Structures are given as C-alpha cells and as structure tokens.
C-alpha cells in the first residue's frame, strides 16, 4: 500500500535527479513560451501536434486532420482569455483551482466541437505546457495513482463545471500539493505528475 512517505521520497528524488523525458518537456515549454498566443493557425498546429504526438493524446481518433482543424478552431476561440487568467495565478491551491477547471472545461469544449470526443487528457496536457505551475496533467496513470494517496482524505471532487474525472484528479493533486506544503516544500505541479506517472508504471 502506498503511503505519503513513499510519495514524498519519490518527489524529492525526482526534484534532485530529474526524469527521463525532462528535455522533451523543456522543449515543449520553450515552444509555448515563444508562441504563447493563438492568433496564427500554423503556429498553433505546431503546438497542438507536438503535444498530441509526444504525449500520445490521440486527438486523431476523433476526426481526420484533427490537429489542423483544432488549430483553426483555437485561432477563432477565446482560449487566450483563459490562458491570460491562468498566467496571472501565482500558485496552484484552493483559491486558484476554479480558474484551472474553467480553462480546462473550455478547451475540452473546443476539442469536442472539432473531434466529437471529450479530450480530457489532451486539454490538460496542452494547458500545462503553457502554464505548468498551475495546471495538473490528467491521464489514466496519474489519475489512478493520485487516488491511491487521496482516498480517505478527499471526500468529493472539486466544485466546478469541468468534467468530473478531472475535478476528482485535480482534488487529488491539490491534496498532494498541500501535503508538500506541510513539509515545507513549495509544490511543483509538473513534478507531482511526473511522480504519479512514474509510480503507476510509466517511464521514470
């Protein structure tokens, strides 16, 4: 049975030693930093395509040419308004989580309008590469692993309009972030995901 001590130990190890796909992540972070806005479809499709393919988010399962169609759709959307709000947040906590959920819900809506699918994982990953310090990444590995730690302590999902699975996962990540704070560690949301993914059997 996993304990919070196991989580803390692995978090400190990753914080010190890094992780296997760290350079890939830094490359994507830099791209999103260089092209933060959604005003040029050709620039947007570079971000959409690289995040989708590097993180195996499977946008293409919804429709043909999904990456390009989504890029065009994002160009004509209000996603930059949500990203501006996310970038204004200093940290991920109880007060800022609703802004994260709202942005995630909006991107999921936009993806569904293009692909017909609820792209919870892609939406979280795409937002995270733009604002890594406040947006938890959602995938089946991290979701299941986070719940192993939060079960018994998290009684309900965070309130909000976002998909229930993402609200539950975000509540689990918030629980772990607050545990790190109690240990005197300022939590890195990205590293929490790395730990959960690795402990669940992903690459380390």
Protein backbone atom coordinates (compact mmCIF):
# COMPACT_ATOMS: atom_id res chain seq x y z
CA UNK A 1 0.00 0.00 0.00
CA UNK A 2 1.38 3.40 -0.99
CA UNK A 3 1.92 5.97 1.77
CA UNK A 4 2.50 9.70 1.68
CA UNK A 5 6.06 8.95 2.77
CA UNK A 6 6.52 6.99 -0.48
CA UNK A 7 5.23 9.95 -2.46
CA UNK A 8 7.45 12.42 -0.63
CA UNK A 9 10.53 10.26 -1.09
CA UNK A 10 9.95 9.89 -4.82
CA UNK A 11 9.12 13.60 -5.21
CA UNK A 12 12.41 14.56 -3.58
CA UNK A 13 14.30 12.06 -5.77
CA UNK A 14 12.80 13.46 -8.98
CA UNK A 15 13.31 17.01 -7.78
CA UNK A 16 17.02 16.26 -7.31
CA UNK A 17 17.73 13.90 -10.23
CA UNK A 18 15.19 14.89 -12.87
CA UNK A 19 13.36 12.42 -15.10
CA UNK A 20 13.82 10.70 -18.44
CA UNK A 21 11.64 12.92 -20.64
CA UNK A 22 12.71 16.19 -18.99
CA UNK A 23 14.46 17.56 -22.10
CA UNK A 24 11.39 16.82 -24.22
CA UNK A 25 9.24 18.71 -21.73
CA UNK A 26 11.62 21.67 -21.66
CA UNK A 27 11.49 21.83 -25.47
CA UNK A 28 7.68 21.98 -25.39
CA UNK A 29 7.72 24.55 -22.57
CA UNK A 30 10.04 26.74 -24.65
CA UNK A 31 7.86 26.44 -27.74
CA UNK A 32 4.76 27.51 -25.82
CA UNK A 33 6.73 30.35 -24.23
CA UNK A 34 7.91 31.56 -27.64
CA UNK A 35 4.41 31.25 -29.14
CA UNK A 36 2.06 31.96 -26.21
CA UNK A 37 -0.94 33.23 -28.19
CA UNK A 38 -3.42 31.60 -30.55
CA UNK A 39 -3.52 34.03 -33.46
CA UNK A 40 -1.77 32.07 -36.24
CA UNK A 41 -3.13 28.64 -37.19
CA UNK A 42 0.25 27.43 -38.49
CA UNK A 43 1.91 28.26 -35.19
CA UNK A 44 -0.94 26.76 -33.22
CA UNK A 45 -0.83 23.46 -35.12
CA UNK A 46 2.85 23.13 -34.22
CA UNK A 47 1.95 23.26 -30.53
CA UNK A 48 -1.14 21.07 -30.88
CA UNK A 49 0.68 18.48 -32.97
CA UNK A 50 3.77 18.22 -30.79
CA UNK A 51 1.83 17.96 -27.53
CA UNK A 52 -0.63 15.48 -29.04
CA UNK A 53 2.06 13.24 -30.50
CA UNK A 54 4.70 13.47 -27.77
CA UNK A 55 2.13 12.74 -25.09
CA UNK A 56 0.05 10.30 -27.14
CA UNK A 57 -3.21 12.16 -26.55
CA UNK A 58 -4.92 10.60 -29.61
CA UNK A 59 -6.75 13.62 -30.98
CA UNK A 60 -6.72 11.94 -34.39
CA UNK A 61 -9.15 9.30 -33.16
CA UNK A 62 -11.96 11.83 -33.29
CA UNK A 63 -11.72 13.08 -36.85
CA UNK A 64 -9.41 13.27 -39.86
CA UNK A 65 -6.84 16.07 -39.79
CA UNK A 66 -7.85 16.78 -36.18
CA UNK A 67 -4.72 18.76 -35.29
CA UNK A 68 -5.15 21.26 -38.12
CA UNK A 69 -8.88 21.58 -37.58
CA UNK A 70 -8.37 22.22 -33.88
CA UNK A 71 -5.66 24.78 -34.61
CA UNK A 72 -8.05 26.72 -36.82
CA UNK A 73 -10.77 26.43 -34.20
CA UNK A 74 -8.49 27.68 -31.42
CA UNK A 75 -7.49 30.65 -33.56
CA UNK A 76 -11.12 31.78 -33.59
CA UNK A 77 -11.78 30.99 -29.93
CA UNK A 78 -11.39 32.76 -26.60
CA UNK A 79 -8.77 30.33 -25.26
CA UNK A 80 -6.21 33.12 -24.86
CA UNK A 81 -8.51 34.83 -22.35
CA UNK A 82 -8.38 31.71 -20.21
CA UNK A 83 -4.61 31.39 -20.61
CA UNK A 84 -4.17 35.01 -19.52
CA UNK A 85 -6.09 34.24 -16.33
CA UNK A 86 -4.01 31.11 -15.72
CA UNK A 87 -0.74 33.00 -16.19
CA UNK A 88 -1.84 35.53 -13.58
CA UNK A 89 -2.02 32.83 -10.89
CA UNK A 90 0.91 32.60 -8.50
CA UNK A 91 0.35 29.00 -7.44
CA UNK A 92 -1.99 26.03 -7.51
CA UNK A 93 -4.21 25.99 -4.43
CA UNK A 94 -7.84 26.06 -3.30
CA UNK A 95 -8.33 29.64 -4.47
CA UNK A 96 -6.86 29.17 -7.94
CA UNK A 97 -8.15 25.68 -8.78
CA UNK A 98 -11.53 27.03 -10.04
CA UNK A 99 -9.71 29.08 -12.70
CA UNK A 100 -7.85 25.95 -13.81
CA UNK A 101 -11.07 23.96 -14.01
CA UNK A 102 -12.80 26.67 -16.03
CA UNK A 103 -9.96 26.83 -18.55
CA UNK A 104 -9.82 23.06 -18.86
CA UNK A 105 -13.56 22.85 -19.41
CA UNK A 106 -13.38 25.48 -22.14
CA UNK A 107 -10.61 23.69 -24.02
CA UNK A 108 -12.43 20.36 -23.69
CA UNK A 109 -15.49 22.03 -25.22
CA UNK A 110 -13.44 23.35 -28.13
CA UNK A 111 -11.88 19.95 -28.74
CA UNK A 112 -15.28 18.26 -28.69
CA UNK A 113 -16.62 20.72 -31.27
CA UNK A 114 -13.85 19.52 -33.61
CA UNK A 115 -13.42 15.84 -32.77
CA UNK A 116 -16.70 14.86 -31.12
CA UNK A 117 -14.71 13.41 -28.19
CA UNK A 118 -14.09 14.50 -24.62
CA UNK A 119 -10.35 15.16 -24.80
CA UNK A 120 -9.72 15.50 -21.06
CA UNK A 121 -6.14 14.30 -21.31
CA UNK A 122 -5.11 16.42 -24.29
CA UNK A 123 -6.72 19.55 -22.83
CA UNK A 124 -4.84 19.18 -19.55
CA UNK A 125 -1.52 18.50 -21.27
CA UNK A 126 -1.89 21.37 -23.72
CA UNK A 127 -2.74 23.86 -20.97
CA UNK A 128 0.01 22.50 -18.75
CA UNK A 129 2.70 23.22 -21.31
CA UNK A 130 1.53 26.82 -21.44
CA UNK A 131 1.15 27.22 -17.66
CA UNK A 132 2.91 24.29 -15.95
CA UNK A 133 2.91 25.74 -12.44
CA UNK A 134 -0.87 25.62 -12.04
CA UNK A 135 -2.41 23.04 -14.44
CA UNK A 136 -2.38 19.36 -13.37
CA UNK A 137 -1.96 16.86 -16.19
CA UNK A 138 -4.67 14.23 -16.46
CA UNK A 139 -4.17 10.72 -17.79
CA UNK A 140 -5.30 7.30 -16.65
CA UNK A 141 -1.97 6.52 -14.97
CA UNK A 142 -1.71 9.69 -12.90
CA UNK A 143 -5.43 9.66 -12.11
CA UNK A 144 -5.33 6.15 -10.66
CA UNK A 145 -2.08 6.73 -8.77
CA UNK A 146 -3.16 10.05 -7.29
CA UNK A 147 -6.34 8.48 -5.97
CA UNK A 148 -4.31 5.84 -4.10
CA UNK A 149 -2.91 8.65 -1.98
CA UNK A 150 -6.03 10.80 -1.74
CA UNK A 151 -8.54 8.04 -0.98
CA UNK A 152 -9.82 8.50 2.55
CA UNK A 153 -8.77 12.15 2.62
CA UNK A 154 -10.58 13.60 -0.41
CA UNK A 155 -14.32 13.11 0.02
CA UNK A 156 -15.58 14.85 -3.10
CA UNK A 157 -14.37 16.31 -6.39
CA UNK A 158 -13.58 20.00 -6.58
CA UNK A 159 -16.68 22.04 -7.45
CA UNK A 160 -16.90 23.42 -10.96
CA UNK A 161 -18.19 22.87 -14.45
CA UNK A 162 -15.26 20.76 -15.60
CA UNK A 163 -15.57 17.02 -16.25
CA UNK A 164 -15.99 15.01 -13.05
CA UNK A 165 -12.90 12.86 -13.62
CA UNK A 166 -10.72 15.94 -13.99
CA UNK A 167 -12.27 17.51 -10.89
CA UNK A 168 -11.52 14.37 -8.87
CA UNK A 169 -7.96 14.22 -10.20
CA UNK A 170 -7.37 17.89 -9.53
CA UNK A 171 -8.61 17.39 -5.98
CA UNK A 172 -6.08 14.55 -5.54
CA UNK A 173 -3.23 16.69 -6.89
CA UNK A 174 -4.28 19.53 -4.59
CA UNK A 175 -4.21 17.15 -1.63
CA UNK A 176 -0.65 16.13 -2.54
CA UNK A 177 0.40 19.75 -3.13
CA UNK A 178 -0.87 20.68 0.33
CA UNK A 179 0.99 17.72 1.83
CA UNK A 180 4.21 19.04 0.30
CA UNK A 181 3.49 22.48 1.75
CA UNK A 182 3.13 20.91 5.20
CA UNK A 183 6.66 19.53 4.75
CA UNK A 184 7.96 22.99 3.93
CA UNK A 185 8.20 22.25 0.20
CA UNK A 186 6.68 24.60 -2.37
CA UNK A 187 4.91 22.16 -4.71
CA UNK A 188 5.73 21.87 -8.41
CA UNK A 189 2.55 20.67 -10.13
CA UNK A 190 4.53 19.29 -13.04
CA UNK A 191 6.74 17.20 -10.77
CA UNK A 192 3.71 15.83 -8.94
CA UNK A 193 2.51 14.46 -12.28
CA UNK A 194 5.94 13.03 -13.07
CA UNK A 195 5.95 11.18 -9.75
CA UNK A 196 2.42 9.83 -10.15
CA UNK A 197 3.03 8.73 -13.73
CA UNK A 198 6.30 7.04 -12.84
CA UNK A 199 4.92 5.27 -9.79
CA UNK A 200 2.00 3.99 -11.85
CA UNK A 201 4.37 2.23 -14.20
CA UNK A 202 5.20 4.91 -16.73
CA UNK A 203 8.75 5.92 -17.61
CA UNK A 204 10.78 7.34 -14.77
